Amino acid sequence: FFSNFEVLFLVALVLFLSIFGLGWVYEFIAARLGIKKEV
């Protein structure tokens, strides 16, 4: 966390895309499929 910023950036990038990115993609797909908002 204090020295190897390149590793930290790559790890953060993978997690950002897998959590935030995947969440946004699923929101779009769920809306198109007409899935109830609660579900």
Full PDB file with SEQRES, HELIX, SHEET, SSBOND, CRYST1, ORIGX, SCALE, CONECT and MASTER records, all heavy atoms in Angstrom:
SEQRES   1 A   39  PHE PHE SER ASN PHE GLU VAL LEU PHE LEU VAL ALA LEU          
SEQRES   2 A   39  VAL LEU PHE LEU SER ILE PHE GLY LEU GLY TRP VAL TYR          
SEQRES   3 A   39  GLU PHE ILE ALA ALA ARG LEU GLY ILE LYS LYS GLU VAL          
HELIX    1 AA1 PHE A    5  PHE A   16  1                                  12    
HELIX    2 AA2 LEU A   17  GLY A   21  3                                   5    
HELIX    3 AA3 LEU A   22  LEU A   33  1                                  12    
CRYST1    1.000    1.000    1.000  90.00  90.00  90.00 P 1           1          
ORIGX1      1.000000  0.000000  0.000000        0.00000                         
ORIGX2      0.000000  1.000000  0.000000        0.00000                         
ORIGX3      0.000000  0.000000  1.000000        0.00000                         
SCALE1      1.000000  0.000000  0.000000        0.00000                         
SCALE2      0.000000  1.000000  0.000000        0.00000                         
SCALE3      0.000000  0.000000  1.000000        0.00000                         
ATOM      1  N   PHE A   1       0.817  -1.213   0.000  1.00  0.00           N  
ATOM      2  CA  PHE A   1       0.000   0.000   0.000  1.00  0.00           C  
ATOM      3  C   PHE A   1       0.852   1.265   0.000  1.00  0.00           C  
ATOM      4  O   PHE A   1       0.399   2.320  -0.425  1.00  0.00           O  
ATOM      5  CB  PHE A   1      -0.925   0.012   1.219  1.00  0.00           C  
ATOM      6  CG  PHE A   1      -2.014  -1.019   1.159  1.00  0.00           C  
ATOM      7  CD1 PHE A   1      -1.805  -2.317   1.614  1.00  0.00           C  
ATOM      8  CD2 PHE A   1      -3.258  -0.700   0.623  1.00  0.00           C  
ATOM      9  CE1 PHE A   1      -2.806  -3.268   1.559  1.00  0.00           C  
ATOM     10  CE2 PHE A   1      -4.274  -1.649   0.561  1.00  0.00           C  
ATOM     11  CZ  PHE A   1      -4.049  -2.938   1.029  1.00  0.00           C  
ATOM     12  N   PHE A   2       2.093   1.169   0.472  1.00  0.00           N  
ATOM     13  CA  PHE A   2       2.949   2.340   0.562  1.00  0.00           C  
ATOM     14  C   PHE A   2       4.016   2.423  -0.538  1.00  0.00           C  
ATOM     15  O   PHE A   2       4.535   3.487  -0.807  1.00  0.00           O  
ATOM     16  CB  PHE A   2       3.660   2.384   1.927  1.00  0.00           C  
ATOM     17  CG  PHE A   2       2.740   2.686   3.070  1.00  0.00           C  
ATOM     18  CD1 PHE A   2       2.600   1.792   4.115  1.00  0.00           C  
ATOM     19  CD2 PHE A   2       2.008   3.856   3.096  1.00  0.00           C  
ATOM     20  CE1 PHE A   2       1.755   2.063   5.180  1.00  0.00           C  
ATOM     21  CE2 PHE A   2       1.151   4.148   4.160  1.00  0.00           C  
ATOM     22  CZ  PHE A   2       1.026   3.244   5.202  1.00  0.00           C  
ATOM     23  N   SER A   3       4.329   1.283  -1.143  1.00  0.00           N  
ATOM     24  CA  SER A   3       5.455   1.296  -2.080  1.00  0.00           C  
ATOM     25  C   SER A   3       5.096   0.806  -3.476  1.00  0.00           C  
ATOM     26  O   SER A   3       5.423   1.454  -4.473  1.00  0.00           O  
ATOM     27  CB  SER A   3       6.612   0.456  -1.523  1.00  0.00           C  
ATOM     28  OG  SER A   3       6.191  -0.875  -1.287  1.00  0.00           O  
ATOM     29  N   ASN A   4       4.400  -0.332  -3.565  1.00  0.00           N  
ATOM     30  CA  ASN A   4       4.147  -0.921  -4.882  1.00  0.00           C  
ATOM     31  C   ASN A   4       2.809  -0.452  -5.438  1.00  0.00           C  
ATOM     32  O   ASN A   4       1.813  -1.181  -5.473  1.00  0.00           O  
ATOM     33  CB  ASN A   4       4.163  -2.452  -4.772  1.00  0.00           C  
ATOM     34  CG  ASN A   4       4.484  -3.100  -6.108  1.00  0.00           C  
ATOM     35  OD1 ASN A   4       4.196  -2.531  -7.159  1.00  0.00           O  
ATOM     36  ND2 ASN A   4       5.073  -4.284  -6.070  1.00  0.00           N  
ATOM     37  N   PHE A   5       2.786   0.803  -5.904  1.00  0.00           N  
ATOM     38  CA  PHE A   5       1.538   1.407  -6.372  1.00  0.00           C  
ATOM     39  C   PHE A   5       1.042   0.782  -7.679  1.00  0.00           C  
ATOM     40  O   PHE A   5      -0.148   0.809  -7.963  1.00  0.00           O  
ATOM     41  CB  PHE A   5       1.716   2.918  -6.534  1.00  0.00           C  
ATOM     42  CG  PHE A   5       1.984   3.622  -5.233  1.00  0.00           C  
ATOM     43  CD1 PHE A   5       3.220   4.198  -4.982  1.00  0.00           C  
ATOM     44  CD2 PHE A   5       1.001   3.688  -4.248  1.00  0.00           C  
ATOM     45  CE1 PHE A   5       3.471   4.840  -3.776  1.00  0.00           C  
ATOM     46  CE2 PHE A   5       1.244   4.319  -3.035  1.00  0.00           C  
ATOM     47  CZ  PHE A   5       2.489   4.901  -2.797  1.00  0.00           C  
ATOM     48  N   GLU A   6       1.966   0.238  -8.467  1.00  0.00           N  
ATOM     49  CA  GLU A   6       1.559  -0.397  -9.727  1.00  0.00           C  
ATOM     50  C   GLU A   6       0.687  -1.630  -9.446  1.00  0.00           C  
ATOM     51  O   GLU A   6      -0.367  -1.804 -10.055  1.00  0.00           O  
ATOM     52  CB  GLU A   6       2.793  -0.801 -10.535  1.00  0.00           C  
ATOM     53  CG  GLU A   6       2.426  -1.416 -11.892  1.00  0.00           C  
ATOM     54  CD  GLU A   6       3.644  -1.895 -12.658  1.00  0.00           C  
ATOM     55  OE1 GLU A   6       4.786  -1.595 -12.238  1.00  0.00           O  
ATOM     56  OE2 GLU A   6       3.449  -2.598 -13.674  1.00  0.00           O  
ATOM     57  N   VAL A   7       1.128  -2.465  -8.507  1.00  0.00           N  
ATOM     58  CA  VAL A   7       0.353  -3.645  -8.115  1.00  0.00           C  
ATOM     59  C   VAL A   7      -0.987  -3.223  -7.531  1.00  0.00           C  
ATOM     60  O   VAL A   7      -2.042  -3.783  -7.859  1.00  0.00           O  
ATOM     61  CB  VAL A   7       1.135  -4.501  -7.094  1.00  0.00           C  
ATOM     62  CG1 VAL A   7       0.214  -5.524  -6.430  1.00  0.00           C  
ATOM     63  CG2 VAL A   7       2.294  -5.210  -7.782  1.00  0.00           C  
ATOM     64  N   LEU A   8      -0.948  -2.210  -6.664  1.00  0.00           N  
ATOM     65  CA  LEU A   8      -2.166  -1.720  -6.027  1.00  0.00           C  
ATOM     66  C   LEU A   8      -3.160  -1.209  -7.069  1.00  0.00           C  
ATOM     67  O   LEU A   8      -4.373  -1.472  -6.981  1.00  0.00           O  
ATOM     68  CB  LEU A   8      -1.816  -0.606  -5.041  1.00  0.00           C  
ATOM     69  CG  LEU A   8      -2.844  -0.287  -3.957  1.00  0.00           C  
ATOM     70  CD1 LEU A   8      -3.147  -1.511  -3.103  1.00  0.00           C  
ATOM     71  CD2 LEU A   8      -2.347   0.860  -3.094  1.00  0.00           C  
ATOM     72  N   PHE A   9      -2.654  -0.494  -8.068  1.00  0.00           N  
ATOM     73  CA  PHE A   9      -3.521   0.032  -9.132  1.00  0.00           C  
ATOM     74  C   PHE A   9      -4.161  -1.095  -9.940  1.00  0.00           C  
ATOM     75  O   PHE A   9      -5.365  -1.068 -10.230  1.00  0.00           O  
ATOM     76  CB  PHE A   9      -2.714   0.949 -10.065  1.00  0.00           C  
ATOM     77  CG  PHE A   9      -3.483   1.376 -11.288  1.00  0.00           C  
ATOM     78  CD1 PHE A   9      -4.477   2.349 -11.200  1.00  0.00           C  
ATOM     79  CD2 PHE A   9      -3.243   0.771 -12.534  1.00  0.00           C  
ATOM     80  CE1 PHE A   9      -5.201   2.728 -12.332  1.00  0.00           C  
ATOM     81  CE2 PHE A   9      -3.962   1.142 -13.653  1.00  0.00           C  
ATOM     82  CZ  PHE A   9      -4.938   2.123 -13.550  1.00  0.00           C  
ATOM     83  N   LEU A  10      -3.360  -2.109 -10.294  1.00  0.00           N  
ATOM     84  CA  LEU A  10      -3.884  -3.218 -11.092  1.00  0.00           C  
ATOM     85  C   LEU A  10      -4.938  -4.017 -10.317  1.00  0.00           C  
ATOM     86  O   LEU A  10      -5.972  -4.397 -10.869  1.00  0.00           O  
ATOM     87  CB  LEU A  10      -2.737  -4.139 -11.529  1.00  0.00           C  
ATOM     88  CG  LEU A  10      -1.770  -3.569 -12.562  1.00  0.00           C  
ATOM     89  CD1 LEU A  10      -0.602  -4.520 -12.780  1.00  0.00           C  
ATOM     90  CD2 LEU A  10      -2.484  -3.286 -13.881  1.00  0.00           C  
ATOM     91  N   VAL A  11      -4.667  -4.255  -9.038  1.00  0.00           N  
ATOM     92  CA  VAL A  11      -5.634  -4.970  -8.187  1.00  0.00           C  
ATOM     93  C   VAL A  11      -6.925  -4.158  -8.084  1.00  0.00           C  
ATOM     94  O   VAL A  11      -8.032  -4.703  -8.216  1.00  0.00           O  
ATOM     95  CB  VAL A  11      -5.042  -5.231  -6.782  1.00  0.00           C  
ATOM     96  CG1 VAL A  11      -6.129  -5.714  -5.821  1.00  0.00           C  
ATOM     97  CG2 VAL A  11      -3.920  -6.256  -6.858  1.00  0.00           C  
ATOM     98  N   ALA A  12      -6.779  -2.849  -7.853  1.00  0.00           N  
ATOM     99  CA  ALA A  12      -7.950  -1.969  -7.733  1.00  0.00           C  
ATOM    100  C   ALA A  12      -8.738  -1.920  -9.040  1.00  0.00           C  
ATOM    101  O   ALA A  12      -9.976  -1.902  -9.023  1.00  0.00           O  
ATOM    102  CB  ALA A  12      -7.506  -0.560  -7.330  1.00  0.00           C  
ATOM    103  N   LEU A  13      -8.038  -1.921 -10.170  1.00  0.00           N  
ATOM    104  CA  LEU A  13      -8.696  -1.875 -11.479  1.00  0.00           C  
ATOM    105  C   LEU A  13      -9.554  -3.117 -11.697  1.00  0.00           C  
ATOM    106  O   LEU A  13     -10.711  -3.024 -12.130  1.00  0.00           O  
ATOM    107  CB  LEU A  13      -7.647  -1.749 -12.591  1.00  0.00           C  
ATOM    108  CG  LEU A  13      -8.184  -1.733 -14.031  1.00  0.00           C  
ATOM    109  CD1 LEU A  13      -9.100  -0.529 -14.251  1.00  0.00           C  
ATOM    110  CD2 LEU A  13      -7.027  -1.722 -15.035  1.00  0.00           C  
ATOM    111  N   VAL A  14      -8.981  -4.287 -11.401  1.00  0.00           N  
ATOM    112  CA  VAL A  14      -9.735  -5.548 -11.555  1.00  0.00           C  
ATOM    113  C   VAL A  14     -10.976  -5.537 -10.674  1.00  0.00           C  
ATOM    114  O   VAL A  14     -12.075  -5.915 -11.105  1.00  0.00           O  
ATOM    115  CB  VAL A  14      -8.840  -6.765 -11.212  1.00  0.00           C  
ATOM    116  CG1 VAL A  14      -9.677  -8.044 -11.160  1.00  0.00           C  
ATOM    117  CG2 VAL A  14      -7.723  -6.914 -12.240  1.00  0.00           C  
ATOM    118  N   LEU A  15     -10.831  -5.092  -9.437  1.00  0.00           N  
ATOM    119  CA  LEU A  15     -11.960  -5.071  -8.498  1.00  0.00           C  
ATOM    120  C   LEU A  15     -13.004  -4.036  -8.890  1.00  0.00           C  
ATOM    121  O   LEU A  15     -14.212  -4.281  -8.773  1.00  0.00           O  
ATOM    122  CB  LEU A  15     -11.459  -4.807  -7.077  1.00  0.00           C  
ATOM    123  CG  LEU A  15     -10.692  -5.974  -6.457  1.00  0.00           C  
ATOM    124  CD1 LEU A  15      -9.926  -5.533  -5.226  1.00  0.00           C  
ATOM    125  CD2 LEU A  15     -11.636  -7.123  -6.116  1.00  0.00           C  
ATOM    126  N   PHE A  16     -12.565  -2.878  -9.372  1.00  0.00           N  
ATOM    127  CA  PHE A  16     -13.511  -1.849  -9.810  1.00  0.00           C  
ATOM    128  C   PHE A  16     -14.360  -2.351 -10.975  1.00  0.00           C  
ATOM    129  O   PHE A  16     -15.593  -2.207 -10.975  1.00  0.00           O  
ATOM    130  CB  PHE A  16     -12.760  -0.577 -10.221  1.00  0.00           C  
ATOM    131  CG  PHE A  16     -13.673   0.506 -10.748  1.00  0.00           C  
ATOM    132  CD1 PHE A  16     -14.384   1.317  -9.876  1.00  0.00           C  
ATOM    133  CD2 PHE A  16     -13.836   0.693 -12.115  1.00  0.00           C  
ATOM    134  CE1 PHE A  16     -15.239   2.304 -10.353  1.00  0.00           C  
ATOM    135  CE2 PHE A  16     -14.681   1.669 -12.606  1.00  0.00           C  
ATOM    136  CZ  PHE A  16     -15.382   2.482 -11.717  1.00  0.00           C  
ATOM    137  N   LEU A  17     -13.716  -2.959 -11.955  1.00  0.00           N  
ATOM    138  CA  LEU A  17     -14.447  -3.473 -13.117  1.00  0.00           C  
ATOM    139  C   LEU A  17     -15.360  -4.632 -12.728  1.00  0.00           C  
ATOM    140  O   LEU A  17     -16.480  -4.757 -13.251  1.00  0.00           O  
ATOM    141  CB  LEU A  17     -13.459  -3.926 -14.198  1.00  0.00           C  
ATOM    142  CG  LEU A  17     -12.633  -2.816 -14.863  1.00  0.00           C  
ATOM    143  CD1 LEU A  17     -11.597  -3.413 -15.799  1.00  0.00           C  
ATOM    144  CD2 LEU A  17     -13.533  -1.839 -15.611  1.00  0.00           C  
ATOM    145  N   SER A  18     -14.909  -5.472 -11.793  1.00  0.00           N  
ATOM    146  CA  SER A  18     -15.682  -6.656 -11.403  1.00  0.00           C  
ATOM    147  C   SER A  18     -16.858  -6.325 -10.496  1.00  0.00           C  
ATOM    148  O   SER A  18     -17.857  -7.048 -10.503  1.00  0.00           O  
ATOM    149  CB  SER A  18     -14.764  -7.664 -10.685  1.00  0.00           C  
ATOM    150  OG  SER A  18     -13.704  -8.062 -11.520  1.00  0.00           O  
ATOM    151  N   ILE A  19     -16.738  -5.264  -9.719  1.00  0.00           N  
ATOM    152  CA  ILE A  19     -17.818  -4.904  -8.787  1.00  0.00           C  
ATOM    153  C   ILE A  19     -18.668  -3.770  -9.361  1.00  0.00           C  
ATOM    154  O   ILE A  19     -19.845  -3.966  -9.680  1.00  0.00           O  
ATOM    155  CB  ILE A  19     -17.239  -4.522  -7.408  1.00  0.00           C  
ATOM    156  CG1 ILE A  19     -16.531  -5.741  -6.797  1.00  0.00           C  
ATOM    157  CG2 ILE A  19     -18.346  -4.029  -6.476  1.00  0.00           C  
ATOM    158  CD1 ILE A  19     -15.782  -5.445  -5.496  1.00  0.00           C  
ATOM    159  N   PHE A  20     -18.085  -2.594  -9.529  1.00  0.00           N  
ATOM    160  CA  PHE A  20     -18.845  -1.457 -10.053  1.00  0.00           C  
ATOM    161  C   PHE A  20     -19.253  -1.689 -11.507  1.00  0.00           C  
ATOM    162  O   PHE A  20     -20.421  -1.516 -11.869  1.00  0.00           O  
ATOM    163  CB  PHE A  20     -18.011  -0.177  -9.952  1.00  0.00           C  
ATOM    164  CG  PHE A  20     -17.946   0.414  -8.573  1.00  0.00           C  
ATOM    165  CD1 PHE A  20     -17.031  -0.059  -7.639  1.00  0.00           C  
ATOM    166  CD2 PHE A  20     -18.797   1.448  -8.196  1.00  0.00           C  
ATOM    167  CE1 PHE A  20     -16.971   0.481  -6.360  1.00  0.00           C  
ATOM    168  CE2 PHE A  20     -18.745   1.991  -6.922  1.00  0.00           C  
ATOM    169  CZ  PHE A  20     -17.817   1.509  -5.997  1.00  0.00           C  
ATOM    170  N   GLY A  21     -18.276  -2.082 -12.340  1.00  0.00           N  
ATOM    171  CA  GLY A  21     -18.558  -2.265 -13.771  1.00  0.00           C  
ATOM    172  C   GLY A  21     -19.601  -3.332 -14.018  1.00  0.00           C  
ATOM    173  O   GLY A  21     -20.568  -3.128 -14.754  1.00  0.00           O  
ATOM    174  N   LEU A  22     -19.426  -4.486 -13.389  1.00  0.00           N  
ATOM    175  CA  LEU A  22     -20.367  -5.596 -13.563  1.00  0.00           C  
ATOM    176  C   LEU A  22     -21.747  -5.222 -13.015  1.00  0.00           C  
ATOM    177  O   LEU A  22     -22.778  -5.587 -13.594  1.00  0.00           O  
ATOM    178  CB  LEU A  22     -19.832  -6.843 -12.857  1.00  0.00           C  
ATOM    179  CG  LEU A  22     -20.520  -8.178 -13.173  1.00  0.00           C  
ATOM    180  CD1 LEU A  22     -20.522  -8.469 -14.658  1.00  0.00           C  
ATOM    181  CD2 LEU A  22     -19.831  -9.306 -12.417  1.00  0.00           C  
ATOM    182  N   GLY A  23     -21.764  -4.475 -11.920  1.00  0.00           N  
ATOM    183  CA  GLY A  23     -23.040  -4.016 -11.353  1.00  0.00           C  
ATOM    184  C   GLY A  23     -23.799  -3.127 -12.328  1.00  0.00           C  
ATOM    185  O   GLY A  23     -25.019  -3.272 -12.505  1.00  0.00           O  
ATOM    186  N   TRP A  24     -23.100  -2.190 -12.969  1.00  0.00           N  
ATOM    187  CA  TRP A  24     -23.748  -1.303 -13.941  1.00  0.00           C  
ATOM    188  C   TRP A  24     -24.258  -2.076 -15.166  1.00  0.00           C  
ATOM    189  O   TRP A  24     -25.355  -1.810 -15.658  1.00  0.00           O  
ATOM    190  CB  TRP A  24     -22.761  -0.216 -14.382  1.00  0.00           C  
ATOM    191  CG  TRP A  24     -22.481   0.792 -13.316  1.00  0.00           C  
ATOM    192  CD1 TRP A  24     -23.348   1.256 -12.357  1.00  0.00           C  
ATOM    193  CD2 TRP A  24     -21.236   1.453 -13.066  1.00  0.00           C  
ATOM    194  NE1 TRP A  24     -22.730   2.162 -11.536  1.00  0.00           N  
ATOM    195  CE2 TRP A  24     -21.433   2.318 -11.939  1.00  0.00           C  
ATOM    196  CE3 TRP A  24     -19.975   1.416 -13.674  1.00  0.00           C  
ATOM    197  CZ2 TRP A  24     -20.414   3.115 -11.434  1.00  0.00           C  
ATOM    198  CZ3 TRP A  24     -18.966   2.209 -13.164  1.00  0.00           C  
ATOM    199  CH2 TRP A  24     -19.181   3.050 -12.061  1.00  0.00           C  
ATOM    200  N   VAL A  25     -23.448  -3.018 -15.625  1.00  0.00           N  
ATOM    201  CA  VAL A  25     -23.872  -3.831 -16.782  1.00  0.00           C  
ATOM    202  C   VAL A  25     -25.125  -4.633 -16.433  1.00  0.00           C  
ATOM    203  O   VAL A  25     -26.071  -4.707 -17.230  1.00  0.00           O  
ATOM    204  CB  VAL A  25     -22.730  -4.785 -17.235  1.00  0.00           C  
ATOM    205  CG1 VAL A  25     -23.241  -5.799 -18.250  1.00  0.00           C  
ATOM    206  CG2 VAL A  25     -21.571  -3.984 -17.818  1.00  0.00           C  
ATOM    207  N   TYR A  26     -25.142  -5.205 -15.226  1.00  0.00           N  
ATOM    208  CA  TYR A  26     -26.306  -6.015 -14.834  1.00  0.00           C  
ATOM    209  C   TYR A  26     -27.560  -5.158 -14.676  1.00  0.00           C  
ATOM    210  O   TYR A  26     -28.656  -5.586 -15.021  1.00  0.00           O  
ATOM    211  CB  TYR A  26     -26.030  -6.773 -13.530  1.00  0.00           C  
ATOM    212  CG  TYR A  26     -27.094  -7.806 -13.257  1.00  0.00           C  
ATOM    213  CD1 TYR A  26     -27.106  -9.007 -13.951  1.00  0.00           C  
ATOM    214  CD2 TYR A  26     -28.120  -7.565 -12.335  1.00  0.00           C  
ATOM    215  CE1 TYR A  26     -28.096  -9.952 -13.734  1.00  0.00           C  
ATOM    216  CE2 TYR A  26     -29.112  -8.504 -12.107  1.00  0.00           C  
ATOM    217  CZ  TYR A  26     -29.090  -9.691 -12.813  1.00  0.00           C  
ATOM    218  OH  TYR A  26     -30.081 -10.618 -12.614  1.00  0.00           O  
ATOM    219  N   GLU A  27     -27.395  -3.938 -14.179  1.00  0.00           N  
ATOM    220  CA  GLU A  27     -28.529  -3.004 -14.079  1.00  0.00           C  
ATOM    221  C   GLU A  27     -29.156  -2.787 -15.449  1.00  0.00           C  
ATOM    222  O   GLU A  27     -30.381  -2.817 -15.596  1.00  0.00           O  
ATOM    223  CB  GLU A  27     -28.061  -1.657 -13.523  1.00  0.00           C  
ATOM    224  CG  GLU A  27     -27.935  -1.607 -12.033  1.00  0.00           C  
ATOM    225  CD  GLU A  27     -27.512  -0.227 -11.558  1.00  0.00           C  
ATOM    226  OE1 GLU A  27     -27.654   0.752 -12.331  1.00  0.00           O  
ATOM    227  OE2 GLU A  27     -27.045  -0.119 -10.422  1.00  0.00           O  
ATOM    228  N   PHE A  28     -28.308  -2.555 -16.441  1.00  0.00           N  
ATOM    229  CA  PHE A  28     -28.777  -2.310 -17.809  1.00  0.00           C  
ATOM    230  C   PHE A  28     -29.521  -3.528 -18.355  1.00  0.00           C  
ATOM    231  O   PHE A  28     -30.611  -3.412 -18.919  1.00  0.00           O  
ATOM    232  CB  PHE A  28     -27.572  -1.967 -18.701  1.00  0.00           C  
ATOM    233  CG  PHE A  28     -27.919  -1.781 -20.148  1.00  0.00           C  
ATOM    234  CD1 PHE A  28     -28.491  -0.600 -20.590  1.00  0.00           C  
ATOM    235  CD2 PHE A  28     -27.689  -2.803 -21.070  1.00  0.00           C  
ATOM    236  CE1 PHE A  28     -28.817  -0.428 -21.936  1.00  0.00           C  
ATOM    237  CE2 PHE A  28     -28.005  -2.653 -22.399  1.00  0.00           C  
ATOM    238  CZ  PHE A  28     -28.578  -1.457 -22.842  1.00  0.00           C  
ATOM    239  N   ILE A  29     -28.915  -4.727 -18.163  1.00  0.00           N  
ATOM    240  CA  ILE A  29     -29.526  -5.963 -18.672  1.00  0.00           C  
ATOM    241  C   ILE A  29     -30.853  -6.251 -17.964  1.00  0.00           C  
ATOM    242  O   ILE A  29     -31.851  -6.605 -18.600  1.00  0.00           O  
ATOM    243  CB  ILE A  29     -28.560  -7.156 -18.497  1.00  0.00           C  
ATOM    244  CG1 ILE A  29     -27.336  -6.976 -19.399  1.00  0.00           C  
ATOM    245  CG2 ILE A  29     -29.258  -8.478 -18.815  1.00  0.00           C  
ATOM    246  CD1 ILE A  29     -26.233  -7.984 -19.152  1.00  0.00           C  
ATOM    247  N   ALA A  30     -30.874  -6.078 -16.636  1.00  0.00           N  
ATOM    248  CA  ALA A  30     -32.089  -6.345 -15.856  1.00  0.00           C  
ATOM    249  C   ALA A  30     -33.230  -5.426 -16.283  1.00  0.00           C  
ATOM    250  O   ALA A  30     -34.389  -5.855 -16.369  1.00  0.00           O  
ATOM    251  CB  ALA A  30     -31.809  -6.184 -14.367  1.00  0.00           C  
ATOM    252  N   ALA A  31     -32.903  -4.146 -16.567  1.00  0.00           N  
ATOM    253  CA  ALA A  31     -33.928  -3.193 -17.012  1.00  0.00           C  
ATOM    254  C   ALA A  31     -34.480  -3.595 -18.369  1.00  0.00           C  
ATOM    255  O   ALA A  31     -35.698  -3.522 -18.606  1.00  0.00           O  
ATOM    256  CB  ALA A  31     -33.333  -1.783 -17.063  1.00  0.00           C  
ATOM    257  N   ARG A  32     -33.598  -4.036 -19.251  1.00  0.00           N  
ATOM    258  CA  ARG A  32     -34.029  -4.462 -20.595  1.00  0.00           C  
ATOM    259  C   ARG A  32     -34.894  -5.719 -20.523  1.00  0.00           C  
ATOM    260  O   ARG A  32     -35.821  -5.887 -21.324  1.00  0.00           O  
ATOM    261  CB  ARG A  32     -32.807  -4.723 -21.489  1.00  0.00           C  
ATOM    262  CG  ARG A  32     -32.100  -3.463 -21.962  1.00  0.00           C  
ATOM    263  CD  ARG A  32     -33.025  -2.624 -22.829  1.00  0.00           C  
ATOM    264  NE  ARG A  32     -32.410  -1.423 -23.331  1.00  0.00           N  
ATOM    265  CZ  ARG A  32     -31.823  -1.306 -24.528  1.00  0.00           C  
ATOM    266  NH1 ARG A  32     -31.768  -2.358 -25.335  1.00  0.00           N  
ATOM    267  NH2 ARG A  32     -31.301  -0.159 -24.899  1.00  0.00           N  
ATOM    268  N   LEU A  33     -34.582  -6.609 -19.589  1.00  0.00           N  
ATOM    269  CA  LEU A  33     -35.345  -7.854 -19.456  1.00  0.00           C  
ATOM    270  C   LEU A  33     -36.644  -7.668 -18.675  1.00  0.00           C  
ATOM    271  O   LEU A  33     -37.454  -8.589 -18.578  1.00  0.00           O  
ATOM    272  CB  LEU A  33     -34.487  -8.925 -18.764  1.00  0.00           C  
ATOM    273  CG  LEU A  33     -33.266  -9.432 -19.547  1.00  0.00           C  
ATOM    274  CD1 LEU A  33     -32.453 -10.390 -18.686  1.00  0.00           C  
ATOM    275  CD2 LEU A  33     -33.699 -10.116 -20.846  1.00  0.00           C  
ATOM    276  N   GLY A  34     -36.830  -6.485 -18.110  1.00  0.00           N  
ATOM    277  CA  GLY A  34     -38.053  -6.200 -17.373  1.00  0.00           C  
ATOM    278  C   GLY A  34     -38.135  -6.893 -16.026  1.00  0.00           C  
ATOM    279  O   GLY A  34     -39.227  -7.161 -15.518  1.00  0.00           O  
ATOM    280  N   ILE A  35     -36.987  -7.182 -15.398  1.00  0.00           N  
ATOM    281  CA  ILE A  35     -36.969  -7.816 -14.074  1.00  0.00           C  
ATOM    282  C   ILE A  35     -37.433  -6.804 -13.028  1.00  0.00           C  
ATOM    283  O   ILE A  35     -37.050  -5.639 -13.071  1.00  0.00           O  
ATOM    284  CB  ILE A  35     -35.551  -8.331 -13.729  1.00  0.00           C  
ATOM    285  CG1 ILE A  35     -35.108  -9.379 -14.753  1.00  0.00           C  
ATOM    286  CG2 ILE A  35     -35.506  -8.927 -12.327  1.00  0.00           C  
ATOM    287  CD1 ILE A  35     -33.651  -9.792 -14.631  1.00  0.00           C  
ATOM    288  N   LYS A  36     -38.277  -7.231 -12.110  1.00  0.00           N  
ATOM    289  CA  LYS A  36     -38.774  -6.349 -11.050  1.00  0.00           C  
ATOM    290  C   LYS A  36     -37.613  -5.671 -10.327  1.00  0.00           C  
ATOM    291  O   LYS A  36     -36.591  -6.303 -10.059  1.00  0.00           O  
ATOM    292  CB  LYS A  36     -39.604  -7.147 -10.044  1.00  0.00           C  
ATOM    293  CG  LYS A  36     -40.986  -7.532 -10.542  1.00  0.00           C  
ATOM    294  CD  LYS A  36     -41.675  -8.462  -9.556  1.00  0.00           C  
ATOM    295  CE  LYS A  36     -41.887  -7.786  -8.216  1.00  0.00           C  
ATOM    296  NZ  LYS A  36     -42.625  -8.675  -7.263  1.00  0.00           N  
ATOM    297  N   LYS A  37     -37.769  -4.386 -10.006  1.00  0.00           N  
ATOM    298  CA  LYS A  37     -36.694  -3.619  -9.396  1.00  0.00           C  
ATOM    299  C   LYS A  37     -36.183  -4.247  -8.100  1.00  0.00           C  
ATOM    300  O   LYS A  37     -34.983  -4.276  -7.838  1.00  0.00           O  
ATOM    301  CB  LYS A  37     -37.155  -2.183  -9.127  1.00  0.00           C  
ATOM    302  CG  LYS A  37     -37.218  -1.319 -10.381  1.00  0.00           C  
ATOM    303  CD  LYS A  37     -37.567   0.113 -10.027  1.00  0.00           C  
ATOM    304  CE  LYS A  37     -37.596   0.977 -11.288  1.00  0.00           C  
ATOM    305  NZ  LYS A  37     -37.942   2.393 -10.979  1.00  0.00           N  
ATOM    306  N   GLU A  38     -37.116  -4.748  -7.269  1.00  0.00           N  
ATOM    307  CA  GLU A  38     -36.719  -5.338  -5.982  1.00  0.00           C  
ATOM    308  C   GLU A  38     -35.848  -6.572  -6.191  1.00  0.00           C  
ATOM    309  O   GLU A  38     -34.817  -6.746  -5.541  1.00  0.00           O  
ATOM    310  CB  GLU A  38     -37.964  -5.725  -5.167  1.00  0.00           C  
ATOM    311  CG  GLU A  38     -38.833  -4.549  -4.760  1.00  0.00           C  
ATOM    312  CD  GLU A  38     -39.807  -4.132  -5.853  1.00  0.00           C  
ATOM    313  OE1 GLU A  38     -39.825  -4.789  -6.927  1.00  0.00           O  
ATOM    314  OE2 GLU A  38     -40.533  -3.149  -5.643  1.00  0.00           O  
ATOM    315  N   VAL A  39     -36.276  -7.429  -7.128  1.00  0.00           N  
ATOM    316  CA  VAL A  39     -35.532  -8.659  -7.421  1.00  0.00           C  
ATOM    317  C   VAL A  39     -34.188  -8.322  -8.076  1.00  0.00           C  
ATOM    318  O   VAL A  39     -33.154  -8.909  -7.738  1.00  0.00           O  
ATOM    319  CB  VAL A  39     -36.357  -9.604  -8.322  1.00  0.00           C  
ATOM    320  CG1 VAL A  39     -35.524 -10.815  -8.755  1.00  0.00           C  
ATOM    321  CG2 VAL A  39     -37.618 -10.059  -7.598  1.00  0.00           C  
TER     322      VAL A  39                                                      
MASTER        0    0    0    3    0    0    0    6  321    1    0    3          
END                                                                             
